[in-house]
PDB file of N, CA and C in Angstrom:
ATOM      1  N   UNK A   1      48.869 -65.134 167.109  1.00  0.00           N
ATOM      2  CA  UNK A   1      47.405 -64.595 167.028  1.00  0.00           C
ATOM      3  C   UNK A   1      46.841 -64.850 168.365  1.00  0.00           C
ATOM      4  N   UNK A   2      47.177 -66.055 169.142  1.00  0.00           N
ATOM      5  CA  UNK A   2      46.067 -66.701 169.966  1.00  0.00           C
ATOM      6  C   UNK A   2      46.651 -65.748 170.915  1.00  0.00           C
ATOM      7  N   UNK A   3      47.574 -64.809 171.312  1.00  0.00           N
ATOM      8  CA  UNK A   3      47.738 -63.761 172.371  1.00  0.00           C
ATOM      9  C   UNK A   3      47.644 -62.305 172.072  1.00  0.00           C
ATOM     10  N   UNK A   4      47.149 -62.386 170.915  1.00  0.00           N
ATOM     11  CA  UNK A   4      46.695 -60.614 170.653  1.00  0.00           C
ATOM     12  C   UNK A   4      46.007 -60.249 171.353  1.00  0.00           C
ATOM     13  N   UNK A   5      45.739 -58.983 171.708  1.00  0.00           N
ATOM     14  CA  UNK A   5      44.992 -58.394 172.294  1.00  0.00           C
ATOM     15  C   UNK A   5      43.369 -58.016 171.568  1.00  0.00           C
ATOM     16  N   UNK A   6      43.746 -57.678 170.465  1.00  0.00           N
ATOM     17  CA  UNK A   6      42.306 -57.572 169.228  1.00  0.00           C
ATOM     18  C   UNK A   6      42.369 -58.556 168.344  1.00  0.00           C
ATOM     19  N   UNK A   7      41.389 -58.793 168.090  1.00  0.00           N
ATOM     20  CA  UNK A   7      40.634 -59.672 166.906  1.00  0.00           C
ATOM     21  C   UNK A   7      41.469 -59.263 165.556  1.00  0.00           C
ATOM     22  N   UNK A   8      41.840 -60.446 164.988  1.00  0.00           N
ATOM     23  CA  UNK A   8      42.844 -60.537 163.406  1.00  0.00           C
ATOM     24  C   UNK A   8      41.733 -61.421 162.702  1.00  0.00           C
ATOM     25  N   UNK A   9      41.568 -61.018 161.500  1.00  0.00           N
ATOM     26  CA  UNK A   9      41.035 -62.030 160.611  1.00  0.00           C
ATOM     27  C   UNK A   9      42.127 -61.800 159.586  1.00  0.00           C
ATOM     28  N   UNK A  10      42.352 -63.189 159.045  1.00  0.00           N
ATOM     29  CA  UNK A  10      43.436 -63.450 158.266  1.00  0.00           C
ATOM     30  C   UNK A  10      43.223 -64.497 157.196  1.00  0.00           C
ATOM     31  N   UNK A  11      43.705 -64.490 156.308  1.00  0.00           N
ATOM     32  CA  UNK A  11      43.263 -65.580 154.721  1.00  0.00           C
ATOM     33  C   UNK A  11      44.351 -65.989 154.473  1.00  0.00           C
ATOM     34  N   UNK A  12      44.244 -67.259 154.197  1.00  0.00           N
ATOM     35  CA  UNK A  12      45.566 -68.084 153.940  1.00  0.00           C
ATOM     36  C   UNK A  12      44.973 -68.464 152.245  1.00  0.00           C
ATOM     37  N   UNK A  13      45.857 -68.019 151.300  1.00  0.00           N
ATOM     38  CA  UNK A  13      45.108 -68.313 149.931  1.00  0.00           C
ATOM     39  C   UNK A  13      46.161 -69.712 149.536  1.00  0.00           C
ATOM     40  N   UNK A  14      45.205 -70.511 148.754  1.00  0.00           N
ATOM     41  CA  UNK A  14      46.174 -71.777 148.251  1.00  0.00           C
ATOM     42  C   UNK A  14      45.919 -72.026 146.592  1.00  0.00           C
ATOM     43  N   UNK A  15      46.849 -72.550 146.046  1.00  0.00           N
ATOM     44  CA  UNK A  15      46.959 -72.976 144.562  1.00  0.00           C
ATOM     45  C   UNK A  15      45.907 -74.461 144.411  1.00  0.00           C
ATOM     46  N   UNK A  16      46.083 -74.638 142.986  1.00  0.00           N
ATOM     47  CA  UNK A  16      45.398 -75.743 142.811  1.00  0.00           C
ATOM     48  C   UNK A  16      45.954 -76.962 143.987  1.00  0.00           C
ATOM     49  N   UNK A  17      47.434 -76.972 144.051  1.00  0.00           N
ATOM     50  CA  UNK A  17      47.971 -78.188 144.885  1.00  0.00           C
ATOM     51  C   UNK A  17      48.034 -78.006 146.116  1.00  0.00           C
ATOM     52  N   UNK A  18      46.966 -77.065 146.580  1.00  0.00           N
ATOM     53  CA  UNK A  18      46.982 -76.613 148.105  1.00  0.00           C
ATOM     54  C   UNK A  18      48.763 -76.406 148.811  1.00  0.00           C
ATOM     55  N   UNK A  19      49.485 -75.454 147.789  1.00  0.00           N
ATOM     56  CA  UNK A  19      50.444 -74.824 148.353  1.00  0.00           C
ATOM     57  C   UNK A  19      49.887 -73.433 148.563  1.00  0.00           C
ATOM     58  N   UNK A  20      50.692 -72.712 149.680  1.00  0.00           N
ATOM     59  CA  UNK A  20      50.404 -71.239 150.277  1.00  0.00           C
ATOM     60  C   UNK A  20      50.800 -70.385 148.977  1.00  0.00           C
ATOM     61  N   UNK A  21      49.986 -69.430 148.626  1.00  0.00           N
ATOM     62  CA  UNK A  21      50.200 -68.423 147.712  1.00  0.00           C
ATOM     63  C   UNK A  21      50.863 -67.216 148.644  1.00  0.00           C
ATOM     64  N   UNK A  22      49.806 -67.083 149.103  1.00  0.00           N
ATOM     65  CA  UNK A  22      49.921 -65.837 150.334  1.00  0.00           C
ATOM     66  C   UNK A  22      49.096 -65.981 151.759  1.00  0.00           C
ATOM     67  N   UNK A  23      49.864 -65.487 153.023  1.00  0.00           N
ATOM     68  CA  UNK A  23      49.138 -65.487 154.132  1.00  0.00           C
ATOM     69  C   UNK A  23      48.761 -63.814 154.532  1.00  0.00           C
ATOM     70  N   UNK A  24      47.458 -63.235 154.465  1.00  0.00           N
ATOM     71  CA  UNK A  24      47.630 -61.793 154.534  1.00  0.00           C
ATOM     72  C   UNK A  24      46.215 -61.862 155.796  1.00  0.00           C
ATOM     73  N   UNK A  25      46.780 -60.519 156.670  1.00  0.00           N
ATOM     74  CA  UNK A  25      45.666 -60.072 157.176  1.00  0.00           C
ATOM     75  C   UNK A  25      44.922 -59.195 156.529  1.00  0.00           C
ATOM     76  N   UNK A  26      43.488 -59.853 156.858  1.00  0.00           N
ATOM     77  CA  UNK A  26      42.532 -58.836 155.891  1.00  0.00           C
ATOM     78  C   UNK A  26      42.003 -57.623 156.967  1.00  0.00           C
ATOM     79  N   UNK A  27      41.693 -58.027 158.061  1.00  0.00           N
ATOM     80  CA  UNK A  27      41.480 -57.204 159.350  1.00  0.00           C
ATOM     81  C   UNK A  27      41.845 -56.982 160.582  1.00  0.00           C
ATOM     82  N   UNK A  28      41.688 -56.155 160.869  1.00  0.00           N
ATOM     83  CA  UNK A  28      42.127 -55.857 162.677  1.00  0.00           C
ATOM     84  C   UNK A  28      40.812 -55.604 163.188  1.00  0.00           C
ATOM     85  N   UNK A  29      40.428 -55.406 164.692  1.00  0.00           N
ATOM     86  CA  UNK A  29      39.294 -55.003 165.084  1.00  0.00           C
ATOM     87  C   UNK A  29      39.458 -54.606 166.577  1.00  0.00           C
ATOM     88  N   UNK A  30      38.335 -54.906 167.388  1.00  0.00           N
ATOM     89  CA  UNK A  30      38.631 -54.356 168.545  1.00  0.00           C
ATOM     90  C   UNK A  30      38.579 -56.006 169.476  1.00  0.00           C
ATOM     91  N   UNK A  31      38.541 -55.741 171.074  1.00  0.00           N
ATOM     92  CA  UNK A  31      38.823 -56.919 171.877  1.00  0.00           C
ATOM     93  C   UNK A  31      37.855 -58.101 171.536  1.00  0.00           C
ATOM     94  N   UNK A  32      36.582 -57.508 171.069  1.00  0.00           N
ATOM     95  CA  UNK A  32      35.884 -58.910 170.731  1.00  0.00           C
ATOM     96  C   UNK A  32      35.017 -58.815 169.495  1.00  0.00           C
ATOM     97  N   UNK A  33      35.638 -58.008 168.480  1.00  0.00           N
ATOM     98  CA  UNK A  33      34.757 -58.004 167.151  1.00  0.00           C
ATOM     99  C   UNK A  33      35.918 -57.423 166.126  1.00  0.00           C
ATOM    100  N   UNK A  34      35.766 -58.198 165.149  1.00  0.00           N
ATOM    101  CA  UNK A  34      36.672 -57.397 163.860  1.00  0.00           C
ATOM    102  C   UNK A  34      35.658 -57.573 162.466  1.00  0.00           C
ATOM    103  N   UNK A  35      35.520 -56.777 162.025  1.00  0.00           N
ATOM    104  CA  UNK A  35      34.794 -56.590 160.639  1.00  0.00           C
ATOM    105  C   UNK A  35      35.313 -57.522 159.694  1.00  0.00           C
ATOM    106  N   UNK A  36      34.393 -58.135 158.875  1.00  0.00           N
ATOM    107  CA  UNK A  36      34.849 -59.261 157.968  1.00  0.00           C
ATOM    108  C   UNK A  36      34.095 -59.132 156.561  1.00  0.00           C
ATOM    109  N   UNK A  37      34.687 -58.399 155.615  1.00  0.00           N
ATOM    110  CA  UNK A  37      34.140 -58.401 154.376  1.00  0.00           C
ATOM    111  C   UNK A  37      34.054 -59.711 153.478  1.00  0.00           C
ATOM    112  N   UNK A  38      32.800 -60.387 153.232  1.00  0.00           N
ATOM    113  CA  UNK A  38      33.216 -61.779 152.355  1.00  0.00           C
ATOM    114  C   UNK A  38      33.686 -61.324 151.098  1.00  0.00           C
ATOM    115  N   UNK A  39      33.159 -60.205 150.501  1.00  0.00           N
ATOM    116  CA  UNK A  39      33.270 -59.913 149.165  1.00  0.00           C
ATOM    117  C   UNK A  39      34.812 -59.506 148.913  1.00  0.00           C
ATOM    118  N   UNK A  40      35.318 -58.710 150.033  1.00  0.00           N
ATOM    119  CA  UNK A  40      36.663 -58.585 149.746  1.00  0.00           C
ATOM    120  C   UNK A  40      37.861 -59.634 149.885  1.00  0.00           C
ATOM    121  N   UNK A  41      37.649 -60.791 150.607  1.00  0.00           N
ATOM    122  CA  UNK A  41      38.386 -61.695 151.190  1.00  0.00           C
ATOM    123  C   UNK A  41      38.409 -62.767 149.405  1.00  0.00           C
ATOM    124  N   UNK A  42      37.085 -62.845 149.073  1.00  0.00           N
ATOM    125  CA  UNK A  42      36.998 -63.445 147.858  1.00  0.00           C
ATOM    126  C   UNK A  42      37.756 -62.860 146.567  1.00  0.00           C
ATOM    127  N   UNK A  43      37.559 -61.447 146.752  1.00  0.00           N
ATOM    128  CA  UNK A  43      37.917 -60.839 145.603  1.00  0.00           C
ATOM    129  C   UNK A  43      39.547 -60.955 145.637  1.00  0.00           C
ATOM    130  N   UNK A  44      40.238 -60.785 146.687  1.00  0.00           N
ATOM    131  CA  UNK A  44      41.566 -61.002 147.002  1.00  0.00           C
ATOM    132  C   UNK A  44      42.058 -62.354 146.201  1.00  0.00           C
ATOM    133  N   UNK A  45      41.082 -63.277 146.722  1.00  0.00           N
ATOM    134  CA  UNK A  45      41.487 -64.838 146.331  1.00  0.00           C
ATOM    135  C   UNK A  45      41.295 -64.937 144.606  1.00  0.00           C
ATOM    136  N   UNK A  46      40.604 -63.898 144.043  1.00  0.00           N
ATOM    137  CA  UNK A  46      40.812 -64.090 142.480  1.00  0.00           C
ATOM    138  C   UNK A  46      41.824 -63.274 142.078  1.00  0.00           C
ATOM    139  N   UNK A  47      42.198 -62.211 142.847  1.00  0.00           N
ATOM    140  CA  UNK A  47      43.698 -61.413 142.285  1.00  0.00           C
ATOM    141  C   UNK A  47      44.712 -62.246 142.501  1.00  0.00           C
ATOM    142  N   UNK A  48      44.598 -63.260 143.531  1.00  0.00           N
ATOM    143  CA  UNK A  48      46.071 -63.716 143.799  1.00  0.00           C
ATOM    144  C   UNK A  48      45.762 -65.420 142.969  1.00  0.00           C
ATOM    145  N   UNK A  49      44.900 -65.458 142.151  1.00  0.00           N
ATOM    146  CA  UNK A  49      44.785 -66.783 141.530  1.00  0.00           C
ATOM    147  C   UNK A  49      44.486 -68.165 142.595  1.00  0.00           C
ATOM    148  N   UNK A  50      43.827 -67.675 143.660  1.00  0.00           N
ATOM    149  CA  UNK A  50      43.792 -68.751 144.338  1.00  0.00           C
ATOM    150  C   UNK A  50      42.498 -70.028 144.265  1.00  0.00           C
ATOM    151  N   UNK A  51      42.818 -71.107 144.323  1.00  0.00           N
ATOM    152  CA  UNK A  51      41.418 -71.905 144.306  1.00  0.00           C
ATOM    153  C   UNK A  51      40.972 -72.444 145.415  1.00  0.00           C
ATOM    154  N   UNK A  52      41.606 -72.094 146.717  1.00  0.00           N
ATOM    155  CA  UNK A  52      41.139 -72.427 147.918  1.00  0.00           C
ATOM    156  C   UNK A  52      41.625 -71.389 148.751  1.00  0.00           C
ATOM    157  N   UNK A  53      40.762 -71.329 150.000  1.00  0.00           N
ATOM    158  CA  UNK A  53      41.450 -70.525 150.825  1.00  0.00           C
ATOM    159  C   UNK A  53      41.031 -70.964 152.131  1.00  0.00           C
ATOM    160  N   UNK A  54      41.940 -70.766 153.117  1.00  0.00           N
ATOM    161  CA  UNK A  54      41.718 -70.965 154.844  1.00  0.00           C
ATOM    162  C   UNK A  54      41.367 -69.718 155.484  1.00  0.00           C
ATOM    163  N   UNK A  55      40.515 -69.861 156.292  1.00  0.00           N
ATOM    164  CA  UNK A  55      40.394 -68.455 157.039  1.00  0.00           C
ATOM    165  C   UNK A  55      40.790 -68.935 158.589  1.00  0.00           C
ATOM    166  N   UNK A  56      41.208 -67.734 158.920  1.00  0.00           N
ATOM    167  CA  UNK A  56      41.818 -67.896 160.604  1.00  0.00           C
ATOM    168  C   UNK A  56      41.593 -66.461 161.405  1.00  0.00           C
ATOM    169  N   UNK A  57      41.074 -66.671 162.325  1.00  0.00           N
ATOM    170  CA  UNK A  57      40.766 -65.419 163.174  1.00  0.00           C
ATOM    171  C   UNK A  57      41.058 -65.732 164.698  1.00  0.00           C
ATOM    172  N   UNK A  58      41.158 -64.728 165.565  1.00  0.00           N
ATOM    173  CA  UNK A  58      41.349 -65.256 167.060  1.00  0.00           C
ATOM    174  C   UNK A  58      40.366 -64.760 167.926  1.00  0.00           C
ATOM    175  N   UNK A  59      40.412 -65.211 168.815  1.00  0.00           N
ATOM    176  CA  UNK A  59      39.438 -64.759 169.777  1.00  0.00           C
ATOM    177  C   UNK A  59      40.187 -64.152 171.099  1.00  0.00           C
ATOM    178  N   UNK A  60      40.437 -62.874 171.402  1.00  0.00           N
ATOM    179  CA  UNK A  60      41.403 -62.526 172.779  1.00  0.00           C
ATOM    180  C   UNK A  60      40.573 -63.135 173.689  1.00  0.00           C
ATOM    181  N   UNK A  61      39.526 -63.270 173.934  1.00  0.00           N
ATOM    182  CA  UNK A  61      38.764 -63.680 175.156  1.00  0.00           C
ATOM    183  C   UNK A  61      39.779 -65.340 175.773  1.00  0.00           C
ATOM    184  N   UNK A  62      40.245 -65.939 174.600  1.00  0.00           N
ATOM    185  CA  UNK A  62      40.850 -67.368 174.826  1.00  0.00           C
ATOM    186  C   UNK A  62      40.270 -68.474 174.599  1.00  0.00           C
ATOM    187  N   UNK A  63      38.999 -68.313 174.447  1.00  0.00           N
ATOM    188  CA  UNK A  63      38.045 -69.364 174.369  1.00  0.00           C
ATOM    189  C   UNK A  63      37.721 -69.173 172.840  1.00  0.00           C
ATOM    190  N   UNK A  64      38.330 -70.303 171.981  1.00  0.00           N
ATOM    191  CA  UNK A  64      38.222 -70.440 170.361  1.00  0.00           C
ATOM    192  C   UNK A  64      36.857 -70.921 169.852  1.00  0.00           C
ATOM    193  N   UNK A  65      35.848 -71.075 170.873  1.00  0.00           N
ATOM    194  CA  UNK A  65      34.600 -71.633 170.392  1.00  0.00           C
ATOM    195  C   UNK A  65      33.847 -70.684 169.323  1.00  0.00           C
ATOM    196  N   UNK A  66      33.700 -71.396 167.835  1.00  0.00           N
ATOM    197  CA  UNK A  66      32.484 -70.392 167.234  1.00  0.00           C
ATOM    198  C   UNK A  66      31.654 -69.684 167.938  1.00  0.00           C
ATOM    199  N   UNK A  67      31.336 -68.421 167.503  1.00  0.00           N
ATOM    200  CA  UNK A  67      30.191 -67.705 167.736  1.00  0.00           C
ATOM    201  C   UNK A  67      29.330 -68.109 166.515  1.00  0.00           C
ATOM    202  N   UNK A  68      27.995 -67.698 166.862  1.00  0.00           N
ATOM    203  CA  UNK A  68      26.767 -67.759 165.705  1.00  0.00           C
ATOM    204  C   UNK A  68      27.418 -66.985 164.516  1.00  0.00           C
ATOM    205  N   UNK A  69      27.858 -65.890 164.942  1.00  0.00           N
ATOM    206  CA  UNK A  69      28.531 -64.686 163.553  1.00  0.00           C
ATOM    207  C   UNK A  69      29.728 -65.503 163.113  1.00  0.00           C
ATOM    208  N   UNK A  70      30.309 -66.081 163.451  1.00  0.00           N
ATOM    209  CA  UNK A  70      31.582 -66.950 163.263  1.00  0.00           C
ATOM    210  C   UNK A  70      30.789 -67.440 161.868  1.00  0.00           C
ATOM    211  N   UNK A  71      29.892 -68.441 162.475  1.00  0.00           N
ATOM    212  CA  UNK A  71      29.670 -69.694 161.687  1.00  0.00           C
ATOM    213  C   UNK A  71      28.842 -69.051 160.456  1.00  0.00           C
ATOM    214  N   UNK A  72      27.921 -67.744 160.593  1.00  0.00           N
ATOM    215  CA  UNK A  72      27.181 -67.329 159.519  1.00  0.00           C
ATOM    216  C   UNK A  72      28.035 -66.573 158.600  1.00  0.00           C
ATOM    217  N   UNK A  73      28.876 -65.934 159.018  1.00  0.00           N
ATOM    218  CA  UNK A  73      30.238 -65.162 158.359  1.00  0.00           C
ATOM    219  C   UNK A  73      30.721 -66.005 157.174  1.00  0.00           C
ATOM    220  N   UNK A  74      31.472 -67.560 157.881  1.00  0.00           N
ATOM    221  CA  UNK A  74      31.965 -68.320 157.043  1.00  0.00           C
ATOM    222  C   UNK A  74      30.921 -68.782 156.224  1.00  0.00           C
ATOM    223  N   UNK A  75      29.747 -69.055 156.528  1.00  0.00           N
ATOM    224  CA  UNK A  75      29.000 -70.010 155.318  1.00  0.00           C
ATOM    225  C   UNK A  75      28.677 -68.951 154.057  1.00  0.00           C
ATOM    226  N   UNK A  76      28.764 -67.469 154.724  1.00  0.00           N
ATOM    227  CA  UNK A  76      28.339 -66.629 153.526  1.00  0.00           C
ATOM    228  C   UNK A  76      29.628 -66.373 152.443  1.00  0.00           C
ATOM    229  N   UNK A  77      30.817 -66.772 153.053  1.00  0.00           N
ATOM    230  CA  UNK A  77      31.942 -66.530 152.225  1.00  0.00           C
ATOM    231  C   UNK A  77      32.079 -67.782 151.293  1.00  0.00           C
ATOM    232  N   UNK A  78      31.922 -69.397 152.229  1.00  0.00           N
ATOM    233  CA  UNK A  78      31.669 -70.339 151.081  1.00  0.00           C
ATOM    234  C   UNK A  78      30.737 -70.154 149.910  1.00  0.00           C
ATOM    235  N   UNK A  79      29.407 -69.392 149.992  1.00  0.00           N
ATOM    236  CA  UNK A  79      28.610 -69.261 149.265  1.00  0.00           C
ATOM    237  C   UNK A  79      29.108 -68.389 148.181  1.00  0.00           C
ATOM    238  N   UNK A  80      29.699 -67.588 148.384  1.00  0.00           N
ATOM    239  CA  UNK A  80      30.276 -66.198 147.353  1.00  0.00           C
ATOM    240  C   UNK A  80      31.447 -67.123 146.576  1.00  0.00           C
ATOM    241  N   UNK A  81      31.985 -67.616 147.603  1.00  0.00           N
ATOM    242  CA  UNK A  81      33.349 -68.294 146.484  1.00  0.00           C
ATOM    243  C   UNK A  81      33.022 -69.545 145.712  1.00  0.00           C
ATOM    244  N   UNK A  82      32.191 -69.950 145.925  1.00  0.00           N
ATOM    245  CA  UNK A  82      32.108 -71.472 145.274  1.00  0.00           C
ATOM    246  C   UNK A  82      31.457 -71.526 143.795  1.00  0.00           C
ATOM    247  N   UNK A  83      30.721 -70.476 143.724  1.00  0.00           N
ATOM    248  CA  UNK A  83      30.515 -70.150 142.080  1.00  0.00           C
ATOM    249  C   UNK A  83      31.571 -70.151 141.466  1.00  0.00           C
ATOM    250  N   UNK A  84      32.902 -69.484 142.228  1.00  0.00           N
ATOM    251  CA  UNK A  84      33.867 -68.731 141.462  1.00  0.00           C
ATOM    252  C   UNK A  84      35.230 -69.875 141.166  1.00  0.00           C
ATOM    253  N   UNK A  85      34.721 -70.917 141.621  1.00  0.00           N
ATOM    254  CA  UNK A  85      35.571 -72.029 141.848  1.00  0.00           C
ATOM    255  C   UNK A  85      36.572 -71.696 142.923  1.00  0.00           C
ATOM    256  N   UNK A  86      36.459 -71.239 144.101  1.00  0.00           N
ATOM    257  CA  UNK A  86      37.121 -71.139 145.067  1.00  0.00           C
ATOM    258  C   UNK A  86      36.503 -71.747 146.411  1.00  0.00           C
ATOM    259  N   UNK A  87      37.294 -73.144 146.992  1.00  0.00           N
ATOM    260  CA  UNK A  87      36.996 -73.370 147.904  1.00  0.00           C
ATOM    261  C   UNK A  87      37.257 -72.994 149.102  1.00  0.00           C
ATOM    262  N   UNK A  88      36.448 -73.112 150.222  1.00  0.00           N
ATOM    263  CA  UNK A  88      37.236 -72.780 151.488  1.00  0.00           C
ATOM    264  C   UNK A  88      37.066 -73.944 152.072  1.00  0.00           C
ATOM    265  N   UNK A  89      38.443 -74.000 152.687  1.00  0.00           N
ATOM    266  CA  UNK A  89      38.925 -75.513 153.145  1.00  0.00           C
ATOM    267  C   UNK A  89      38.526 -75.448 154.725  1.00  0.00           C
ATOM    268  N   UNK A  90      38.668 -74.322 155.339  1.00  0.00           N
ATOM    269  CA  UNK A  90      38.710 -74.267 156.920  1.00  0.00           C
ATOM    270  C   UNK A  90      38.545 -73.352 157.158  1.00  0.00           C
ATOM    271  N   UNK A  91      37.849 -72.919 158.713  1.00  0.00           N
ATOM    272  CA  UNK A  91      37.876 -71.624 159.315  1.00  0.00           C
ATOM    273  C   UNK A  91      38.298 -71.729 160.506  1.00  0.00           C
ATOM    274  N   UNK A  92      39.634 -71.372 160.880  1.00  0.00           N
ATOM    275  CA  UNK A  92      40.169 -72.140 162.115  1.00  0.00           C
ATOM    276  C   UNK A  92      40.106 -70.531 163.192  1.00  0.00           C
ATOM    277  N   UNK A  93      39.868 -70.867 164.248  1.00  0.00           N
ATOM    278  CA  UNK A  93      39.754 -69.758 165.287  1.00  0.00           C
ATOM    279  C   UNK A  93      40.872 -70.339 166.213  1.00  0.00           C
ATOM    280  N   UNK A  94      41.462 -69.235 166.906  1.00  0.00           N
ATOM    281  CA  UNK A  94      42.824 -69.495 167.769  1.00  0.00           C
ATOM    282  C   UNK A  94      42.423 -68.833 168.894  1.00  0.00           C
ATOM    283  N   UNK A  95      42.815 -69.263 170.192  1.00  0.00           N
ATOM    284  CA  UNK A  95      42.810 -68.490 171.249  1.00  0.00           C
ATOM    285  C   UNK A  95      43.659 -69.108 172.274  1.00  0.00           C
ATOM    286  N   UNK A  96      43.711 -68.525 173.492  1.00  0.00           N
ATOM    287  CA  UNK A  96      44.881 -68.782 174.481  1.00  0.00           C
ATOM    288  C   UNK A  96      44.561 -70.484 175.056  1.00  0.00           C
ATOM    289  N   UNK A  97      43.438 -70.608 174.746  1.00  0.00           N
ATOM    290  CA  UNK A  97      42.640 -72.225 175.434  1.00  0.00           C
ATOM    291  C   UNK A  97      42.845 -73.073 174.126  1.00  0.00           C
ATOM    292  N   UNK A  98      43.324 -72.979 173.237  1.00  0.00           N
ATOM    293  CA  UNK A  98      43.386 -73.796 171.999  1.00  0.00           C
ATOM    294  C   UNK A  98      43.152 -73.217 170.738  1.00  0.00           C
ATOM    295  N   UNK A  99      42.177 -74.234 170.060  1.00  0.00           N
ATOM    296  CA  UNK A  99      41.687 -73.607 168.642  1.00  0.00           C
ATOM    297  C   UNK A  99      41.060 -74.308 168.023  1.00  0.00           C
ATOM    298  N   UNK A 100      39.844 -73.908 167.287  1.00  0.00           N
ATOM    299  CA  UNK A 100      38.519 -74.803 166.924  1.00  0.00           C
ATOM    300  C   UNK A 100      38.545 -74.795 165.641  1.00  0.00           C
ATOM    301  N   UNK A 101      37.879 -75.643 164.942  1.00  0.00           N
ATOM    302  CA  UNK A 101      37.911 -75.807 163.273  1.00  0.00           C
ATOM    303  C   UNK A 101      36.353 -76.088 163.081  1.00  0.00           C
ATOM    304  N   UNK A 102      35.797 -74.865 162.268  1.00  0.00           N
ATOM    305  CA  UNK A 102      34.504 -74.921 161.594  1.00  0.00           C
ATOM    306  C   UNK A 102      34.331 -76.411 160.905  1.00  0.00           C
ATOM    307  N   UNK A 103      35.018 -76.784 160.083  1.00  0.00           N
ATOM    308  CA  UNK A 103      35.207 -77.952 159.194  1.00  0.00           C
ATOM    309  C   UNK A 103      34.928 -79.418 160.079  1.00  0.00           C
ATOM    310  N   UNK A 104      35.656 -79.324 161.240  1.00  0.00           N
ATOM    311  CA  UNK A 104      35.725 -80.510 161.916  1.00  0.00           C
ATOM    312  C   UNK A 104      34.459 -81.119 162.345  1.00  0.00           C
ATOM    313  N   UNK A 105      33.656 -80.148 163.201  1.00  0.00           N
ATOM    314  CA  UNK A 105      32.241 -80.358 163.592  1.00  0.00           C
ATOM    315  C   UNK A 105      31.244 -80.057 162.146  1.00  0.00           C
ATOM    316  N   UNK A 106      31.620 -80.054 161.245  1.00  0.00           N
ATOM    317  CA  UNK A 106      30.933 -79.786 159.842  1.00  0.00           C
ATOM    318  C   UNK A 106      29.835 -78.599 160.206  1.00  0.00           C
ATOM    319  N   UNK A 107      30.359 -77.738 160.374  1.00  0.00           N
ATOM    320  CA  UNK A 107      29.766 -76.101 160.446  1.00  0.00           C
ATOM    321  C   UNK A 107      29.728 -75.509 159.041  1.00  0.00           C
ATOM    322  N   UNK A 108      30.371 -75.906 158.359  1.00  0.00           N
ATOM    323  CA  UNK A 108      30.999 -75.434 157.377  1.00  0.00           C
ATOM    324  C   UNK A 108      30.762 -76.767 156.023  1.00  0.00           C
TER     325      UNK A 108
END
């Protein structure tokens, strides 16, 4: 994903022991944007009986620094998922220059 020329948004679905149930691409976008639908990510988590998810997307620019939109979208997913018993463990952004976690600096 770090070297892809378009943004991709993936969700890794985990069971109650944090074992991977599935790793699925949810959306592919343009060189600097991909539409993310929080409802669809949480809906799919319910379908596969996930109790936790890890969000992953890339920045084709190479800089993995989270944007304000990245943070807001992640917080929306956290708010929707929590009452349904689904934890968002992290949102990882990858780029040619490395990766960034939203959980590490407590952005989620």
